[in-house]
Amino acid sequence: MPFKNNLPSSFRSSLNRPFLAIFCLGLSLLTACANVIPPCGAKISPPTRELKNTQWELIRWNLTPNVNGEVRARQIPQGESSNPIQIAFDTNGERLSGSTGCNRFTAQISEDERGFTLEKITSTKMACSPQRMELENDFLYELNDYRTIVRDGDRLLIIGRDREVLSFAQRDVNEKSSNKNK
């Protein structure tokens, strides 16, 4: 004989009301949270007004953690003599451009309530060493497939879907023009 048949019907209906109320409350909370939490494929970034007219140089590239959870750094050329990877946000917050160390690239910026996304990434097609071309291709892939951009003062982190983290240091926008005048 099933358990519920042993209970009086008035007791059973009094159990159903709180259960139904808790169920409805839980369902409404889940629905509300679904409107707050961005979907899995969403990109998150600061508003472009925080990045207008800024220039950044790649200083570290952390690869996806290995099976032991250890973070490994990718070797990247740094400094003026080795053509660093740089990105620059324009004064209007509508375009990102820069150098992959070999080629120049540009991207259109589109903004919504979660921040901005990069669209229509294009680059020049000069030939470089195989190692530099591999680095360029990987960089442009990360730029296209990022999930989060975080600004912390003079540092900018681009975090990819694959959990690789590109760390940039802010550079003075007038640095190049002041060096040319010397």
N, C-alpha and C. Protein backbone atom coordinates (compact mmCIF):
# COMPACT_ATOMS: atom_id res chain seq x y z
N MET A 1 0.83 -1.17 0.00
CA MET A 1 0.00 0.00 0.00
C MET A 1 0.88 1.24 0.00
N PRO A 2 0.72 2.17 -0.96
CA PRO A 2 1.55 3.37 -1.01
C PRO A 2 1.37 4.23 0.23
N PHE A 3 2.42 4.99 0.53
CA PHE A 3 2.46 5.80 1.74
C PHE A 3 1.39 6.89 1.75
N LYS A 4 1.17 7.55 0.64
CA LYS A 4 0.24 8.68 0.63
C LYS A 4 -1.20 8.26 0.90
N ASN A 5 -1.54 7.02 0.60
CA ASN A 5 -2.91 6.56 0.88
C ASN A 5 -3.15 6.39 2.37
N ASN A 6 -2.12 6.26 3.17
CA ASN A 6 -2.29 6.12 4.61
C ASN A 6 -2.54 7.45 5.29
N LEU A 7 -2.27 8.55 4.60
CA LEU A 7 -2.45 9.87 5.19
C LEU A 7 -3.86 10.38 4.90
N PRO A 8 -4.45 11.07 5.86
CA PRO A 8 -5.76 11.66 5.59
C PRO A 8 -5.65 12.71 4.47
N SER A 9 -6.69 12.87 3.67
CA SER A 9 -6.65 13.78 2.53
C SER A 9 -6.44 15.23 2.96
N SER A 10 -6.93 15.64 4.11
CA SER A 10 -6.72 17.02 4.57
C SER A 10 -5.24 17.26 4.86
N PHE A 11 -4.56 16.25 5.39
CA PHE A 11 -3.13 16.38 5.68
C PHE A 11 -2.33 16.43 4.38
N ARG A 12 -2.74 15.58 3.41
CA ARG A 12 -2.07 15.57 2.12
C ARG A 12 -2.19 16.91 1.41
N SER A 13 -3.35 17.53 1.42
CA SER A 13 -3.53 18.81 0.74
C SER A 13 -2.76 19.92 1.46
N SER A 14 -2.62 19.80 2.79
CA SER A 14 -1.85 20.82 3.51
C SER A 14 -0.35 20.67 3.23
N LEU A 15 0.12 19.49 2.90
CA LEU A 15 1.52 19.30 2.50
C LEU A 15 1.76 19.82 1.09
N ASN A 16 0.78 19.69 0.21
CA ASN A 16 0.94 20.12 -1.17
C ASN A 16 1.06 21.63 -1.29
N ARG A 17 0.35 22.39 -0.47
CA ARG A 17 0.40 23.86 -0.57
C ARG A 17 1.80 24.41 -0.31
N PRO A 18 2.45 24.05 0.83
CA PRO A 18 3.81 24.57 1.03
C PRO A 18 4.78 24.11 -0.06
N PHE A 19 4.64 22.85 -0.49
CA PHE A 19 5.51 22.34 -1.54
C PHE A 19 5.31 23.14 -2.82
N LEU A 20 4.06 23.42 -3.18
CA LEU A 20 3.76 24.18 -4.37
C LEU A 20 4.30 25.61 -4.24
N ALA A 21 4.17 26.21 -3.06
CA ALA A 21 4.68 27.57 -2.84
C ALA A 21 6.20 27.60 -2.98
N ILE A 22 6.90 26.64 -2.37
CA ILE A 22 8.36 26.57 -2.46
C ILE A 22 8.79 26.34 -3.91
N PHE A 23 8.09 25.46 -4.60
CA PHE A 23 8.40 25.19 -5.99
C PHE A 23 8.26 26.45 -6.84
N CYS A 24 7.16 27.19 -6.67
CA CYS A 24 6.93 28.42 -7.44
C CYS A 24 7.98 29.48 -7.10
N LEU A 25 8.33 29.60 -5.83
CA LEU A 25 9.35 30.56 -5.43
C LEU A 25 10.69 30.21 -6.07
N GLY A 26 11.07 28.95 -6.02
CA GLY A 26 12.32 28.51 -6.63
C GLY A 26 12.34 28.75 -8.12
N LEU A 27 11.25 28.46 -8.78
CA LEU A 27 11.16 28.68 -10.22
C LEU A 27 11.27 30.16 -10.57
N SER A 28 10.63 31.02 -9.77
CA SER A 28 10.72 32.45 -10.05
C SER A 28 12.14 32.97 -9.79
N LEU A 29 12.84 32.45 -8.78
CA LEU A 29 14.22 32.85 -8.53
C LEU A 29 15.14 32.43 -9.67
N LEU A 30 14.94 31.21 -10.17
CA LEU A 30 15.75 30.75 -11.30
C LEU A 30 15.51 31.60 -12.54
N THR A 31 14.27 31.98 -12.77
CA THR A 31 13.95 32.83 -13.92
C THR A 31 14.59 34.20 -13.76
N ALA A 32 14.54 34.76 -12.56
CA ALA A 32 15.14 36.07 -12.32
C ALA A 32 16.66 36.01 -12.50
N CYS A 33 17.29 34.95 -12.00
CA CYS A 33 18.74 34.81 -12.14
C CYS A 33 19.15 34.65 -13.59
N ALA A 34 18.32 34.00 -14.37
CA ALA A 34 18.64 33.79 -15.78
C ALA A 34 18.73 35.13 -16.51
N ASN A 35 18.02 36.15 -16.02
CA ASN A 35 18.07 37.46 -16.64
C ASN A 35 19.29 38.26 -16.19
N VAL A 36 19.92 37.88 -15.08
CA VAL A 36 21.07 38.60 -14.54
C VAL A 36 22.38 37.98 -15.00
N ILE A 37 22.47 36.65 -14.98
CA ILE A 37 23.70 35.94 -15.35
C ILE A 37 23.81 35.90 -16.86
N PRO A 38 24.93 36.36 -17.42
CA PRO A 38 25.06 36.34 -18.88
C PRO A 38 25.14 34.91 -19.40
N PRO A 39 24.68 34.69 -20.62
CA PRO A 39 24.76 33.35 -21.19
C PRO A 39 26.22 32.90 -21.32
N CYS A 40 26.40 31.59 -21.43
CA CYS A 40 27.75 31.03 -21.45
C CYS A 40 28.63 31.63 -22.54
N GLY A 41 28.08 31.95 -23.67
CA GLY A 41 28.87 32.49 -24.77
C GLY A 41 29.05 34.00 -24.71
N ALA A 42 28.53 34.65 -23.67
CA ALA A 42 28.58 36.11 -23.61
C ALA A 42 30.00 36.61 -23.36
N LYS A 43 30.29 37.75 -23.94
CA LYS A 43 31.58 38.40 -23.71
C LYS A 43 31.36 39.52 -22.71
N ILE A 44 32.29 39.67 -21.77
CA ILE A 44 32.18 40.69 -20.74
C ILE A 44 33.42 41.56 -20.79
N SER A 45 33.22 42.88 -20.71
CA SER A 45 34.34 43.81 -20.77
C SER A 45 33.92 45.13 -20.13
N PRO A 46 34.90 45.97 -19.81
CA PRO A 46 34.55 47.30 -19.31
C PRO A 46 33.95 48.13 -20.43
N PRO A 47 33.23 49.20 -20.10
CA PRO A 47 32.72 50.08 -21.17
C PRO A 47 33.88 50.73 -21.92
N THR A 48 33.66 51.00 -23.19
CA THR A 48 34.74 51.56 -24.02
C THR A 48 35.20 52.92 -23.52
N ARG A 49 34.35 53.65 -22.81
CA ARG A 49 34.76 54.98 -22.33
C ARG A 49 35.96 54.87 -21.39
N GLU A 50 36.15 53.70 -20.73
CA GLU A 50 37.30 53.50 -19.86
C GLU A 50 38.58 53.21 -20.63
N LEU A 51 38.45 52.88 -21.90
CA LEU A 51 39.62 52.48 -22.69
C LEU A 51 39.92 53.41 -23.86
N LYS A 52 39.07 54.43 -24.06
CA LYS A 52 39.29 55.36 -25.18
C LYS A 52 40.68 55.96 -25.12
N ASN A 53 41.32 56.04 -26.29
CA ASN A 53 42.62 56.67 -26.44
C ASN A 53 43.69 56.07 -25.52
N THR A 54 43.67 54.75 -25.37
CA THR A 54 44.71 54.07 -24.58
C THR A 54 45.47 53.11 -25.48
N GLN A 55 46.70 52.85 -25.10
CA GLN A 55 47.58 51.94 -25.86
C GLN A 55 48.16 50.93 -24.88
N TRP A 56 48.27 49.68 -25.31
CA TRP A 56 48.69 48.58 -24.45
C TRP A 56 49.71 47.70 -25.15
N GLU A 57 50.65 47.15 -24.38
CA GLU A 57 51.66 46.24 -24.92
C GLU A 57 51.56 44.90 -24.18
N LEU A 58 51.55 43.82 -24.95
CA LEU A 58 51.50 42.48 -24.36
C LEU A 58 52.79 42.19 -23.60
N ILE A 59 52.67 41.88 -22.31
CA ILE A 59 53.86 41.61 -21.50
C ILE A 59 53.91 40.18 -20.99
N ARG A 60 52.78 39.48 -21.00
CA ARG A 60 52.75 38.09 -20.52
C ARG A 60 51.58 37.37 -21.16
N TRP A 61 51.81 36.08 -21.46
CA TRP A 61 50.76 35.25 -22.05
C TRP A 61 50.74 33.94 -21.27
N ASN A 62 49.76 33.78 -20.41
CA ASN A 62 49.61 32.54 -19.64
C ASN A 62 48.79 31.54 -20.44
N LEU A 63 49.36 30.37 -20.64
CA LEU A 63 48.66 29.32 -21.36
C LEU A 63 47.63 28.65 -20.45
N THR A 64 46.78 27.84 -21.04
CA THR A 64 45.80 27.08 -20.26
C THR A 64 46.54 26.22 -19.25
N PRO A 65 46.06 26.17 -17.99
CA PRO A 65 46.73 25.33 -16.99
C PRO A 65 46.83 23.88 -17.46
N ASN A 66 47.95 23.22 -17.11
CA ASN A 66 48.12 21.81 -17.50
C ASN A 66 47.29 20.91 -16.59
N VAL A 67 47.41 19.60 -16.75
CA VAL A 67 46.59 18.65 -15.99
C VAL A 67 46.84 18.75 -14.49
N ASN A 68 47.99 19.25 -14.08
CA ASN A 68 48.29 19.43 -12.65
C ASN A 68 47.85 20.80 -12.14
N GLY A 69 47.23 21.60 -13.02
CA GLY A 69 46.77 22.92 -12.62
C GLY A 69 47.84 23.99 -12.65
N GLU A 70 49.02 23.64 -13.18
CA GLU A 70 50.13 24.60 -13.23
C GLU A 70 49.97 25.54 -14.43
N VAL A 71 50.15 26.82 -14.18
CA VAL A 71 50.07 27.82 -15.25
C VAL A 71 51.44 27.95 -15.89
N ARG A 72 51.45 27.88 -17.21
CA ARG A 72 52.70 28.02 -17.97
C ARG A 72 52.63 29.30 -18.78
N ALA A 73 53.76 29.96 -18.91
CA ALA A 73 53.80 31.20 -19.69
C ALA A 73 54.35 30.92 -21.08
N ARG A 74 53.75 31.53 -22.06
CA ARG A 74 54.23 31.44 -23.44
C ARG A 74 55.32 32.48 -23.63
N GLN A 75 56.35 32.12 -24.36
CA GLN A 75 57.43 33.06 -24.67
C GLN A 75 56.92 34.07 -25.71
N ILE A 76 57.07 35.35 -25.40
CA ILE A 76 56.67 36.39 -26.34
C ILE A 76 57.80 37.40 -26.48
N PRO A 77 58.03 37.88 -27.69
CA PRO A 77 59.05 38.92 -27.87
C PRO A 77 58.58 40.21 -27.18
N GLN A 78 59.49 40.92 -26.55
CA GLN A 78 59.14 42.16 -25.87
C GLN A 78 60.14 43.25 -26.18
N GLY A 79 59.72 44.49 -26.02
CA GLY A 79 60.62 45.61 -26.22
C GLY A 79 60.57 46.13 -27.64
N GLU A 80 61.06 47.33 -27.83
CA GLU A 80 60.96 48.01 -29.12
C GLU A 80 61.71 47.30 -30.23
N SER A 81 62.87 46.72 -29.94
CA SER A 81 63.67 46.11 -30.99
C SER A 81 63.07 44.80 -31.50
N SER A 82 62.15 44.21 -30.74
CA SER A 82 61.57 42.94 -31.18
C SER A 82 60.13 43.07 -31.64
N ASN A 83 59.68 44.29 -31.95
CA ASN A 83 58.32 44.53 -32.45
C ASN A 83 57.27 43.88 -31.55
N PRO A 84 56.95 44.48 -30.44
CA PRO A 84 56.00 43.89 -29.50
C PRO A 84 54.58 43.84 -30.04
N ILE A 85 53.76 42.99 -29.46
CA ILE A 85 52.34 42.96 -29.77
C ILE A 85 51.70 44.10 -29.00
N GLN A 86 51.01 44.97 -29.74
CA GLN A 86 50.38 46.14 -29.12
C GLN A 86 48.95 46.29 -29.61
N ILE A 87 48.11 46.85 -28.74
CA ILE A 87 46.75 47.20 -29.13
C ILE A 87 46.49 48.64 -28.69
N ALA A 88 45.63 49.32 -29.46
CA ALA A 88 45.29 50.71 -29.15
C ALA A 88 43.80 50.93 -29.41
N PHE A 89 43.13 51.57 -28.46
CA PHE A 89 41.73 51.94 -28.62
C PHE A 89 41.70 53.38 -29.13
N ASP A 90 40.87 53.64 -30.14
CA ASP A 90 40.83 54.99 -30.70
C ASP A 90 40.12 55.97 -29.77
N THR A 91 40.18 57.24 -30.11
CA THR A 91 39.62 58.29 -29.24
C THR A 91 38.10 58.27 -29.19
N ASN A 92 37.45 57.63 -30.15
CA ASN A 92 35.99 57.56 -30.17
C ASN A 92 35.45 56.29 -29.53
N GLY A 93 36.33 55.31 -29.24
CA GLY A 93 35.87 54.04 -28.69
C GLY A 93 35.15 53.18 -29.70
N GLU A 94 35.45 53.39 -30.98
CA GLU A 94 34.78 52.64 -32.05
C GLU A 94 35.67 51.63 -32.75
N ARG A 95 37.01 51.72 -32.52
CA ARG A 95 37.94 50.87 -33.25
C ARG A 95 39.11 50.50 -32.37
N LEU A 96 39.56 49.26 -32.54
CA LEU A 96 40.78 48.77 -31.90
C LEU A 96 41.76 48.49 -33.03
N SER A 97 43.00 48.89 -32.85
CA SER A 97 44.01 48.60 -33.87
C SER A 97 45.31 48.28 -33.16
N GLY A 98 46.26 47.80 -33.91
CA GLY A 98 47.53 47.49 -33.28
C GLY A 98 48.46 46.72 -34.18
N SER A 99 49.45 46.11 -33.53
CA SER A 99 50.47 45.36 -34.23
C SER A 99 50.59 43.98 -33.59
N THR A 100 50.72 42.99 -34.45
CA THR A 100 50.94 41.62 -33.97
C THR A 100 52.44 41.35 -33.83
N GLY A 101 53.24 42.37 -34.09
CA GLY A 101 54.69 42.21 -34.10
C GLY A 101 55.20 41.96 -35.49
N CYS A 102 54.31 41.55 -36.37
CA CYS A 102 54.66 41.31 -37.77
C CYS A 102 53.74 42.13 -38.65
N ASN A 103 52.45 42.02 -38.44
CA ASN A 103 51.44 42.71 -39.24
C ASN A 103 50.63 43.67 -38.38
N ARG A 104 49.97 44.60 -39.06
CA ARG A 104 49.03 45.51 -38.41
C ARG A 104 47.65 44.90 -38.48
N PHE A 105 46.79 45.22 -37.49
CA PHE A 105 45.42 44.72 -37.51
C PHE A 105 44.49 45.83 -37.04
N THR A 106 43.22 45.64 -37.34
CA THR A 106 42.19 46.56 -36.88
C THR A 106 40.91 45.77 -36.65
N ALA A 107 40.06 46.29 -35.76
CA ALA A 107 38.78 45.65 -35.46
C ALA A 107 37.77 46.74 -35.12
N GLN A 108 36.54 46.47 -35.48
CA GLN A 108 35.44 47.37 -35.14
C GLN A 108 34.94 47.00 -33.74
N ILE A 109 34.59 48.00 -32.93
CA ILE A 109 34.08 47.76 -31.58
C ILE A 109 32.57 47.98 -31.59
N SER A 110 31.86 47.01 -31.05
CA SER A 110 30.41 47.10 -30.89
C SER A 110 30.11 46.96 -29.40
N GLU A 111 29.29 47.85 -28.85
CA GLU A 111 29.09 47.89 -27.40
C GLU A 111 27.64 47.61 -27.03
N ASP A 112 27.45 46.88 -25.91
CA ASP A 112 26.12 46.66 -25.32
C ASP A 112 26.25 46.76 -23.80
N GLU A 113 25.23 46.34 -23.07
CA GLU A 113 25.23 46.50 -21.61
C GLU A 113 26.31 45.68 -20.90
N ARG A 114 26.85 44.65 -21.51
CA ARG A 114 27.90 43.84 -20.88
C ARG A 114 29.29 44.33 -21.24
N GLY A 115 29.38 45.35 -22.06
CA GLY A 115 30.68 45.83 -22.49
C GLY A 115 30.74 45.85 -24.00
N PHE A 116 31.87 45.46 -24.56
CA PHE A 116 32.01 45.53 -26.01
C PHE A 116 32.47 44.20 -26.58
N THR A 117 32.26 44.05 -27.86
CA THR A 117 32.77 42.91 -28.60
C THR A 117 33.56 43.45 -29.79
N LEU A 118 34.49 42.66 -30.24
CA LEU A 118 35.32 43.02 -31.40
C LEU A 118 34.77 42.31 -32.61
N GLU A 119 34.57 43.06 -33.67
CA GLU A 119 34.02 42.50 -34.89
C GLU A 119 34.90 42.88 -36.07
N LYS A 120 34.79 42.12 -37.13
CA LYS A 120 35.48 42.42 -38.39
C LYS A 120 36.97 42.65 -38.18
N ILE A 121 37.62 41.71 -37.54
CA ILE A 121 39.07 41.81 -37.34
C ILE A 121 39.78 41.52 -38.66
N THR A 122 40.59 42.46 -39.09
CA THR A 122 41.35 42.29 -40.34
C THR A 122 42.81 42.63 -40.07
N SER A 123 43.68 42.06 -40.90
CA SER A 123 45.11 42.35 -40.72
C SER A 123 45.81 42.38 -42.08
N THR A 124 46.99 43.00 -42.07
CA THR A 124 47.82 42.96 -43.26
C THR A 124 48.39 41.55 -43.37
N LYS A 125 49.02 41.24 -44.49
CA LYS A 125 49.47 39.86 -44.75
C LYS A 125 50.94 39.76 -45.09
N MET A 126 51.79 40.46 -44.36
CA MET A 126 53.24 40.35 -44.61
C MET A 126 53.75 39.02 -44.06
N ALA A 127 54.73 38.46 -44.72
CA ALA A 127 55.32 37.20 -44.26
C ALA A 127 56.36 37.48 -43.18
N CYS A 128 56.36 36.62 -42.17
CA CYS A 128 57.33 36.70 -41.07
C CYS A 128 57.87 35.30 -40.82
N SER A 129 58.72 35.17 -39.83
CA SER A 129 59.25 33.85 -39.48
C SER A 129 58.08 32.93 -39.08
N PRO A 130 58.24 31.63 -39.26
CA PRO A 130 57.17 30.70 -38.88
C PRO A 130 56.74 30.85 -37.41
N GLN A 131 57.70 31.07 -36.52
CA GLN A 131 57.37 31.23 -35.10
C GLN A 131 56.53 32.49 -34.88
N ARG A 132 56.92 33.55 -35.56
CA ARG A 132 56.18 34.82 -35.40
C ARG A 132 54.79 34.72 -36.02
N MET A 133 54.64 34.00 -37.13
CA MET A 133 53.34 33.81 -37.76
C MET A 133 52.42 32.98 -36.86
N GLU A 134 53.00 31.98 -36.21
CA GLU A 134 52.21 31.16 -35.28
C GLU A 134 51.72 32.02 -34.11
N LEU A 135 52.61 32.84 -33.57
CA LEU A 135 52.24 33.74 -32.47
C LEU A 135 51.16 34.72 -32.93
N GLU A 136 51.30 35.27 -34.12
CA GLU A 136 50.31 36.20 -34.66
C GLU A 136 48.95 35.52 -34.81
N ASN A 137 48.93 34.34 -35.41
CA ASN A 137 47.67 33.62 -35.59
C ASN A 137 47.00 33.32 -34.25
N ASP A 138 47.78 32.88 -33.29
CA ASP A 138 47.23 32.58 -31.95
C ASP A 138 46.70 33.85 -31.28
N PHE A 139 47.43 34.96 -31.43
CA PHE A 139 47.00 36.22 -30.84
C PHE A 139 45.67 36.68 -31.45
N LEU A 140 45.57 36.66 -32.77
CA LEU A 140 44.33 37.09 -33.42
C LEU A 140 43.17 36.16 -33.06
N TYR A 141 43.46 34.88 -32.89
CA TYR A 141 42.42 33.94 -32.44
C TYR A 141 41.93 34.34 -31.04
N GLU A 142 42.85 34.60 -30.12
CA GLU A 142 42.47 34.98 -28.75
C GLU A 142 41.69 36.29 -28.75
N LEU A 143 42.10 37.22 -29.58
CA LEU A 143 41.41 38.50 -29.68
C LEU A 143 39.98 38.31 -30.16
N ASN A 144 39.80 37.41 -31.09
CA ASN A 144 38.48 37.13 -31.64
C ASN A 144 37.62 36.30 -30.69
N ASP A 145 38.24 35.45 -29.88
CA ASP A 145 37.49 34.47 -29.08
C ASP A 145 37.56 34.74 -27.58
N TYR A 146 37.85 35.98 -27.17
CA TYR A 146 37.96 36.25 -25.74
C TYR A 146 36.59 36.14 -25.07
N ARG A 147 36.59 35.94 -23.78
CA ARG A 147 35.36 35.89 -23.00
C ARG A 147 35.27 37.05 -22.03
N THR A 148 36.41 37.51 -21.51
CA THR A 148 36.39 38.58 -20.52
C THR A 148 37.60 39.49 -20.73
N ILE A 149 37.36 40.78 -20.59
CA ILE A 149 38.44 41.76 -20.55
C ILE A 149 38.32 42.49 -19.23
N VAL A 150 39.42 42.57 -18.50
CA VAL A 150 39.43 43.21 -17.19
C VAL A 150 40.51 44.29 -17.19
N ARG A 151 40.14 45.48 -16.73
CA ARG A 151 41.14 46.54 -16.57
C ARG A 151 41.39 46.74 -15.09
N ASP A 152 42.66 46.72 -14.72
CA ASP A 152 43.07 46.97 -13.34
C ASP A 152 44.17 48.03 -13.39
N GLY A 153 43.74 49.30 -13.38
CA GLY A 153 44.70 50.39 -13.46
C GLY A 153 45.44 50.39 -14.78
N ASP A 154 46.77 50.20 -14.72
CA ASP A 154 47.58 50.20 -15.93
C ASP A 154 47.81 48.80 -16.48
N ARG A 155 46.96 47.85 -16.10
CA ARG A 155 47.01 46.48 -16.62
C ARG A 155 45.68 46.14 -17.28
N LEU A 156 45.75 45.40 -18.36
CA LEU A 156 44.57 44.95 -19.08
C LEU A 156 44.73 43.45 -19.30
N LEU A 157 43.73 42.68 -18.88
CA LEU A 157 43.76 41.23 -19.05
C LEU A 157 42.70 40.83 -20.06
N ILE A 158 43.09 40.02 -21.02
CA ILE A 158 42.15 39.43 -21.96
C ILE A 158 42.14 37.94 -21.66
N ILE A 159 40.98 37.44 -21.25
CA ILE A 159 40.85 36.04 -20.85
C ILE A 159 40.05 35.31 -21.93
N GLY A 160 40.66 34.30 -22.51
CA GLY A 160 40.03 33.56 -23.60
C GLY A 160 39.10 32.47 -23.10
N ARG A 161 38.29 31.98 -24.02
CA ARG A 161 37.38 30.87 -23.72
C ARG A 161 38.19 29.65 -23.26
N ASP A 162 39.40 29.51 -23.80
CA ASP A 162 40.27 28.39 -23.44
C ASP A 162 41.07 28.65 -22.16
N ARG A 163 40.75 29.75 -21.45
CA ARG A 163 41.35 30.15 -20.18
C ARG A 163 42.79 30.64 -20.31
N GLU A 164 43.23 30.94 -21.53
CA GLU A 164 44.52 31.59 -21.69
C GLU A 164 44.34 33.06 -21.32
N VAL A 165 45.35 33.64 -20.67
CA VAL A 165 45.26 35.02 -20.20
C VAL A 165 46.38 35.83 -20.84
N LEU A 166 46.01 36.88 -21.55
CA LEU A 166 46.96 37.80 -22.14
C LEU A 166 47.01 39.04 -21.26
N SER A 167 48.20 39.35 -20.74
CA SER A 167 48.37 40.51 -19.85
C SER A 167 49.06 41.64 -20.60
N PHE A 168 48.44 42.79 -20.57
CA PHE A 168 48.96 43.97 -21.25
C PHE A 168 49.31 45.05 -20.22
N ALA A 169 50.34 45.82 -20.50
CA ALA A 169 50.70 46.98 -19.69
C ALA A 169 50.36 48.22 -20.51
N GLN A 170 49.81 49.23 -19.84
CA GLN A 170 49.45 50.45 -20.54
C GLN A 170 50.70 51.23 -20.92
N ARG A 171 50.70 51.76 -22.12
CA ARG A 171 51.80 52.57 -22.63
C ARG A 171 51.28 53.98 -22.88
N ASP A 172 52.16 54.95 -22.79
CA ASP A 172 51.80 56.33 -23.04
C ASP A 172 51.48 56.50 -24.52
N VAL A 173 50.31 57.04 -24.82
CA VAL A 173 49.89 57.24 -26.21
C VAL A 173 50.84 58.17 -26.93
N ASN A 174 51.41 59.13 -26.24
CA ASN A 174 52.32 60.11 -26.86
C ASN A 174 53.77 59.63 -26.92
N GLU A 175 54.04 58.43 -26.40
CA GLU A 175 55.40 57.92 -26.32
C GLU A 175 56.08 57.85 -27.69
N LYS A 176 55.36 57.32 -28.71
CA LYS A 176 55.97 57.18 -30.04
C LYS A 176 56.26 58.55 -30.66
N SER A 177 55.30 59.47 -30.52
CA SER A 177 55.51 60.77 -31.16
C SER A 177 56.62 61.55 -30.46
N SER A 178 56.78 61.38 -29.14
CA SER A 178 57.85 62.08 -28.45
C SER A 178 59.22 61.48 -28.79
N ASN A 179 59.26 60.17 -29.06
CA ASN A 179 60.52 59.53 -29.45
C ASN A 179 60.94 59.95 -30.85
N LYS A 180 59.98 60.22 -31.73
CA LYS A 180 60.29 60.62 -33.10
C LYS A 180 60.90 62.03 -33.13
N ASN A 181 60.50 62.85 -32.18
CA ASN A 181 60.95 64.24 -32.15
C ASN A 181 62.38 64.38 -31.60
N LYS A 182 62.95 63.32 -31.05
CA LYS A 182 64.30 63.39 -30.45
C LYS A 182 65.37 63.21 -31.48
